PDB file of N, CA and C in Angstrom:
ATOM      1  N   MET A   1     110.914 -44.482 190.052  1.00  0.00           N
ATOM      2  CA  MET A   1     110.838 -43.807 191.331  1.00  0.00           C
ATOM      3  C   MET A   1     110.658 -42.311 191.127  1.00  0.00           C
ATOM      4  N   TYR A   2     111.414 -41.767 190.177  1.00  0.00           N
ATOM      5  CA  TYR A   2     111.345 -40.323 189.927  1.00  0.00           C
ATOM      6  C   TYR A   2     109.949 -39.914 189.479  1.00  0.00           C
ATOM      7  N   SER A   3     109.339 -40.698 188.604  1.00  0.00           N
ATOM      8  CA  SER A   3     108.015 -40.336 188.094  1.00  0.00           C
ATOM      9  C   SER A   3     106.962 -40.406 189.209  1.00  0.00           C
ATOM     10  N   ALA A   4     107.110 -41.321 190.134  1.00  0.00           N
ATOM     11  CA  ALA A   4     106.171 -41.415 191.254  1.00  0.00           C
ATOM     12  C   ALA A   4     106.271 -40.170 192.128  1.00  0.00           C
ATOM     13  N   ILE A   5     107.471 -39.687 192.346  1.00  0.00           N
ATOM     14  CA  ILE A   5     107.672 -38.464 193.142  1.00  0.00           C
ATOM     15  C   ILE A   5     107.091 -37.254 192.399  1.00  0.00           C
ATOM     16  N   ALA A   6     107.357 -37.207 191.096  1.00  0.00           N
ATOM     17  CA  ALA A   6     106.839 -36.104 190.290  1.00  0.00           C
ATOM     18  C   ALA A   6     105.307 -36.098 190.291  1.00  0.00           C
ATOM     19  N   ILE A   7     104.708 -37.271 190.165  1.00  0.00           N
ATOM     20  CA  ILE A   7     103.245 -37.379 190.179  1.00  0.00           C
ATOM     21  C   ILE A   7     102.704 -36.971 191.545  1.00  0.00           C
ATOM     22  N   SER A   8     103.372 -37.403 192.592  1.00  0.00           N
ATOM     23  CA  SER A   8     102.949 -37.051 193.946  1.00  0.00           C
ATOM     24  C   SER A   8     103.007 -35.535 194.156  1.00  0.00           C
ATOM     25  N   ILE A   9     104.062 -34.904 193.695  1.00  0.00           N
ATOM     26  CA  ILE A   9     104.202 -33.452 193.811  1.00  0.00           C
ATOM     27  C   ILE A   9     103.102 -32.755 193.012  1.00  0.00           C
ATOM     28  N   TYR A  10     102.863 -33.259 191.800  1.00  0.00           N
ATOM     29  CA  TYR A  10     101.822 -32.687 190.946  1.00  0.00           C
ATOM     30  C   TYR A  10     100.450 -32.804 191.616  1.00  0.00           C
ATOM     31  N   ILE A  11     100.166 -33.947 192.200  1.00  0.00           N
ATOM     32  CA  ILE A  11      98.882 -34.156 192.898  1.00  0.00           C
ATOM     33  C   ILE A  11      98.755 -33.193 194.063  1.00  0.00           C
ATOM     34  N   ASN A  12      99.840 -32.983 194.795  1.00  0.00           N
ATOM     35  CA  ASN A  12      99.807 -32.044 195.918  1.00  0.00           C
ATOM     36  C   ASN A  12      99.542 -30.612 195.440  1.00  0.00           C
ATOM     37  N   ILE A  13     100.161 -30.231 194.338  1.00  0.00           N
ATOM     38  CA  ILE A  13      99.955 -28.893 193.779  1.00  0.00           C
ATOM     39  C   ILE A  13      98.494 -28.719 193.353  1.00  0.00           C
ATOM     40  N   VAL A  14      97.966 -29.718 192.643  1.00  0.00           N
ATOM     41  CA  VAL A  14      96.570 -29.667 192.202  1.00  0.00           C
ATOM     42  C   VAL A  14      95.640 -29.621 193.407  1.00  0.00           C
ATOM     43  N   TYR A  15      95.915 -30.409 194.416  1.00  0.00           N
ATOM     44  CA  TYR A  15      95.098 -30.435 195.633  1.00  0.00           C
ATOM     45  C   TYR A  15      95.065 -29.059 196.292  1.00  0.00           C
ATOM     46  N   LYS A  16      96.233 -28.433 196.398  1.00  0.00           N
ATOM     47  CA  LYS A  16      96.307 -27.105 197.021  1.00  0.00           C
ATOM     48  C   LYS A  16      95.522 -26.075 196.206  1.00  0.00           C
ATOM     49  N   ARG A  17      95.628 -26.135 194.894  1.00  0.00           N
ATOM     50  CA  ARG A  17      94.894 -25.195 194.040  1.00  0.00           C
ATOM     51  C   ARG A  17      93.385 -25.410 194.161  1.00  0.00           C
ATOM     52  N   VAL A  18      92.972 -26.662 194.139  1.00  0.00           N
ATOM     53  CA  VAL A  18      91.543 -26.967 194.278  1.00  0.00           C
ATOM     54  C   VAL A  18      91.043 -26.506 195.644  1.00  0.00           C
ATOM     55  N   THR A  19      91.823 -26.711 196.673  1.00  0.00           N
ATOM     56  CA  THR A  19      91.447 -26.268 198.014  1.00  0.00           C
ATOM     57  C   THR A  19      91.271 -24.753 198.056  1.00  0.00           C
ATOM     58  N   GLU A  20      92.166 -24.023 197.430  1.00  0.00           N
ATOM     59  CA  GLU A  20      92.061 -22.562 197.374  1.00  0.00           C
ATOM     60  C   GLU A  20      90.824 -22.141 196.586  1.00  0.00           C
ATOM     61  N   ILE A  21      90.541 -22.822 195.503  1.00  0.00           N
ATOM     62  CA  ILE A  21      89.357 -22.503 194.700  1.00  0.00           C
ATOM     63  C   ILE A  21      88.086 -22.748 195.516  1.00  0.00           C
ATOM     64  N   VAL A  22      88.053 -23.845 196.249  1.00  0.00           N
ATOM     65  CA  VAL A  22      86.892 -24.156 197.094  1.00  0.00           C
ATOM     66  C   VAL A  22      86.714 -23.071 198.155  1.00  0.00           C
ATOM     67  N   LYS A  23      87.799 -22.617 198.756  1.00  0.00           N
ATOM     68  CA  LYS A  23      87.712 -21.537 199.750  1.00  0.00           C
ATOM     69  C   LYS A  23      87.158 -20.268 199.112  1.00  0.00           C
ATOM     70  N   ASP A  24      87.630 -19.942 197.924  1.00  0.00           N
ATOM     71  CA  ASP A  24      87.147 -18.753 197.225  1.00  0.00           C
ATOM     72  C   ASP A  24      85.659 -18.877 196.902  1.00  0.00           C
ATOM     73  N   ILE A  25      85.252 -20.046 196.453  1.00  0.00           N
ATOM     74  CA  ILE A  25      83.840 -20.266 196.120  1.00  0.00           C
ATOM     75  C   ILE A  25      82.974 -20.130 197.367  1.00  0.00           C
ATOM     76  N   ARG A  26      83.431 -20.672 198.472  1.00  0.00           N
ATOM     77  CA  ARG A  26      82.672 -20.549 199.724  1.00  0.00           C
ATOM     78  C   ARG A  26      82.568 -19.092 200.158  1.00  0.00           C
ATOM     79  N   ALA A  27      83.650 -18.342 200.009  1.00  0.00           N
ATOM     80  CA  ALA A  27      83.630 -16.919 200.368  1.00  0.00           C
ATOM     81  C   ALA A  27      82.658 -16.152 199.472  1.00  0.00           C
ATOM     82  N   ILE A  28      82.670 -16.444 198.187  1.00  0.00           N
ATOM     83  CA  ILE A  28      81.748 -15.795 197.254  1.00  0.00           C
ATOM     84  C   ILE A  28      80.308 -16.165 197.599  1.00  0.00           C
ATOM     85  N   ASP A  29      80.075 -17.434 197.893  1.00  0.00           N
ATOM     86  CA  ASP A  29      78.737 -17.895 198.257  1.00  0.00           C
ATOM     87  C   ASP A  29      78.246 -17.181 199.511  1.00  0.00           C
ATOM     88  N   TYR A  30      79.127 -16.996 200.480  1.00  0.00           N
ATOM     89  CA  TYR A  30      78.772 -16.301 201.719  1.00  0.00           C
ATOM     90  C   TYR A  30      78.391 -14.850 201.422  1.00  0.00           C
ATOM     91  N   ARG A  31      79.199 -14.196 200.583  1.00  0.00           N
ATOM     92  CA  ARG A  31      78.897 -12.795 200.229  1.00  0.00           C
ATOM     93  C   ARG A  31      77.579 -12.689 199.472  1.00  0.00           C
ATOM     94  N   LEU A  32      77.337 -13.609 198.557  1.00  0.00           N
ATOM     95  CA  LEU A  32      76.082 -13.593 197.807  1.00  0.00           C
ATOM     96  C   LEU A  32      74.891 -13.847 198.723  1.00  0.00           C
ATOM     97  N   SER A  33      75.086 -14.696 199.704  1.00  0.00           N
ATOM     98  CA  SER A  33      74.021 -14.973 200.666  1.00  0.00           C
ATOM     99  C   SER A  33      73.694 -13.716 201.463  1.00  0.00           C
ATOM    100  N   LYS A  34      74.728 -12.998 201.880  1.00  0.00           N
ATOM    101  CA  LYS A  34      74.524 -11.738 202.616  1.00  0.00           C
ATOM    102  C   LYS A  34      73.816 -10.724 201.725  1.00  0.00           C
ATOM    103  N   LEU A  35      74.222 -10.652 200.471  1.00  0.00           N
ATOM    104  CA  LEU A  35      73.600  -9.727 199.525  1.00  0.00           C
ATOM    105  C   LEU A  35      72.129 -10.093 199.330  1.00  0.00           C
ATOM    106  N   LYS A  36      71.860 -11.377 199.212  1.00  0.00           N
ATOM    107  CA  LYS A  36      70.479 -11.840 199.038  1.00  0.00           C
ATOM    108  C   LYS A  36      69.639 -11.442 200.246  1.00  0.00           C
ATOM    109  N   ASP A  37      70.187 -11.597 201.452  1.00  0.00           N
ATOM    110  CA  ASP A  37      69.468 -11.199 202.662  1.00  0.00           C
ATOM    111  C   ASP A  37      69.193  -9.696 202.653  1.00  0.00           C
ATOM    112  N   SER A  38      70.188  -8.914 202.260  1.00  0.00           N
ATOM    113  CA  SER A  38      70.015  -7.458 202.199  1.00  0.00           C
ATOM    114  C   SER A  38      68.951  -7.077 201.181  1.00  0.00           C
ATOM    115  N   LEU A  39      68.995  -7.700 200.022  1.00  0.00           N
ATOM    116  CA  LEU A  39      67.999  -7.414 198.991  1.00  0.00           C
ATOM    117  C   LEU A  39      66.600  -7.812 199.450  1.00  0.00           C
ATOM    118  N   SER A  40      66.512  -8.884 200.179  1.00  0.00           N
ATOM    119  CA  SER A  40      65.219  -9.324 200.698  1.00  0.00           C
ATOM    120  C   SER A  40      64.665  -8.294 201.680  1.00  0.00           C
ATOM    121  N   LYS A  41      65.531  -7.758 202.538  1.00  0.00           N
ATOM    122  CA  LYS A  41      65.097  -6.730 203.494  1.00  0.00           C
ATOM    123  C   LYS A  41      64.646  -5.475 202.752  1.00  0.00           C
ATOM    124  N   ILE A  42      65.385  -5.086 201.722  1.00  0.00           N
ATOM    125  CA  ILE A  42      65.009  -3.914 200.925  1.00  0.00           C
ATOM    126  C   ILE A  42      63.661  -4.159 200.250  1.00  0.00           C
ATOM    127  N   LYS A  43      63.479  -5.349 199.716  1.00  0.00           N
ATOM    128  CA  LYS A  43      62.218  -5.695 199.065  1.00  0.00           C
ATOM    129  C   LYS A  43      61.062  -5.588 200.055  1.00  0.00           C
ATOM    130  N   ASP A  44      61.259  -6.110 201.270  1.00  0.00           N
ATOM    131  CA  ASP A  44      60.210  -6.036 202.289  1.00  0.00           C
ATOM    132  C   ASP A  44      59.874  -4.586 202.626  1.00  0.00           C
ATOM    133  N   LYS A  45      60.887  -3.740 202.729  1.00  0.00           N
ATOM    134  CA  LYS A  45      60.650  -2.327 203.037  1.00  0.00           C
ATOM    135  C   LYS A  45      59.911  -1.635 201.894  1.00  0.00           C
ATOM    136  N   LEU A  46      60.275  -1.967 200.664  1.00  0.00           N
ATOM    137  CA  LEU A  46      59.586  -1.382 199.518  1.00  0.00           C
ATOM    138  C   LEU A  46      58.120  -1.813 199.463  1.00  0.00           C
ATOM    139  N   ILE A  47      57.859  -3.059 199.783  1.00  0.00           N
ATOM    140  CA  ILE A  47      56.479  -3.550 199.830  1.00  0.00           C
ATOM    141  C   ILE A  47      55.689  -2.786 200.892  1.00  0.00           C
ATOM    142  N   PHE A  48      56.302  -2.584 202.048  1.00  0.00           N
ATOM    143  CA  PHE A  48      55.648  -1.839 203.124  1.00  0.00           C
ATOM    144  C   PHE A  48      55.341  -0.407 202.681  1.00  0.00           C
ATOM    145  N   ILE A  49      56.313   0.241 202.036  1.00  0.00           N
ATOM    146  CA  ILE A  49      56.119   1.620 201.569  1.00  0.00           C
ATOM    147  C   ILE A  49      55.004   1.671 200.521  1.00  0.00           C
ATOM    148  N   ARG A  50      55.008   0.733 199.591  1.00  0.00           N
ATOM    149  CA  ARG A  50      53.974   0.699 198.553  1.00  0.00           C
ATOM    150  C   ARG A  50      52.592   0.543 199.171  1.00  0.00           C
ATOM    151  N   ARG A  51      52.474  -0.353 200.130  1.00  0.00           N
ATOM    152  CA  ARG A  51      51.181  -0.567 200.791  1.00  0.00           C
ATOM    153  C   ARG A  51      50.759   0.671 201.567  1.00  0.00           C
ATOM    154  N   SER A  52      51.703   1.305 202.225  1.00  0.00           N
ATOM    155  CA  SER A  52      51.402   2.522 202.982  1.00  0.00           C
ATOM    156  C   SER A  52      50.901   3.627 202.066  1.00  0.00           C
ATOM    157  N   ILE A  53      51.552   3.788 200.925  1.00  0.00           N
ATOM    158  CA  ILE A  53      51.129   4.807 199.965  1.00  0.00           C
ATOM    159  C   ILE A  53      49.742   4.481 199.424  1.00  0.00           C
ATOM    160  N   THR A  54      49.501   3.225 199.140  1.00  0.00           N
ATOM    161  CA  THR A  54      48.182   2.808 198.656  1.00  0.00           C
ATOM    162  C   THR A  54      47.110   3.151 199.678  1.00  0.00           C
ATOM    163  N   ILE A  55      47.382   2.877 200.934  1.00  0.00           N
ATOM    164  CA  ILE A  55      46.419   3.182 202.006  1.00  0.00           C
ATOM    165  C   ILE A  55      46.216   4.689 202.122  1.00  0.00           C
ATOM    166  N   LEU A  56      47.304   5.446 202.048  1.00  0.00           N
ATOM    167  CA  LEU A  56      47.185   6.907 202.124  1.00  0.00           C
ATOM    168  C   LEU A  56      46.352   7.455 200.977  1.00  0.00           C
ATOM    169  N   VAL A  57      46.606   6.978 199.780  1.00  0.00           N
ATOM    170  CA  VAL A  57      45.839   7.429 198.614  1.00  0.00           C
ATOM    171  C   VAL A  57      44.370   7.060 198.788  1.00  0.00           C
ATOM    172  N   HIS A  58      44.120   5.866 199.232  1.00  0.00           N
ATOM    173  CA  HIS A  58      42.748   5.405 199.447  1.00  0.00           C
ATOM    174  C   HIS A  58      42.051   6.277 200.496  1.00  0.00           C
ATOM    175  N   ASN A  59      42.734   6.545 201.602  1.00  0.00           N
ATOM    176  CA  ASN A  59      42.155   7.371 202.660  1.00  0.00           C
ATOM    177  C   ASN A  59      41.919   8.796 202.194  1.00  0.00           C
ATOM    178  N   THR A  60      42.817   9.311 201.356  1.00  0.00           N
ATOM    179  CA  THR A  60      42.654  10.662 200.821  1.00  0.00           C
ATOM    180  C   THR A  60      41.418  10.737 199.942  1.00  0.00           C
ATOM    181  N   ARG A  61      41.179   9.746 199.154  1.00  0.00           N
ATOM    182  CA  ARG A  61      39.982   9.700 198.304  1.00  0.00           C
ATOM    183  C   ARG A  61      38.716   9.654 199.145  1.00  0.00           C
ATOM    184  N   LEU A  62      38.764   8.925 200.254  1.00  0.00           N
ATOM    185  CA  LEU A  62      37.598   8.845 201.130  1.00  0.00           C
ATOM    186  C   LEU A  62      37.318  10.201 201.787  1.00  0.00           C
ATOM    187  N   LEU A  63      38.364  10.947 202.114  1.00  0.00           N
ATOM    188  CA  LEU A  63      38.182  12.248 202.745  1.00  0.00           C
ATOM    189  C   LEU A  63      37.625  13.270 201.769  1.00  0.00           C
ATOM    190  N   ASN A  64      37.902  13.116 200.485  1.00  0.00           N
ATOM    191  CA  ASN A  64      37.430  14.057 199.483  1.00  0.00           C
ATOM    192  C   ASN A  64      35.966  13.860 199.132  1.00  0.00           C
ATOM    193  N   ILE A  65      35.399  12.757 199.553  1.00  0.00           N
ATOM    194  CA  ILE A  65      34.002  12.458 199.202  1.00  0.00           C
ATOM    195  C   ILE A  65      33.068  13.263 200.009  1.00  0.00           C
TER     196      ILE A  65
END
């Protein structure tokens, strides 16, 4: 009887720890997802700036002709 209680307590402790780990992993995943979205927005802005500069340089060359 004692060993069954001890095993049950141990299982509950392990369950609680695993549950906490899962919560932490989900929180980390959420933060990484937000970071990925932010990086994607930055990438899009950099692409826009690069294209704008390319167009400006191209137009400047046309004006010098």
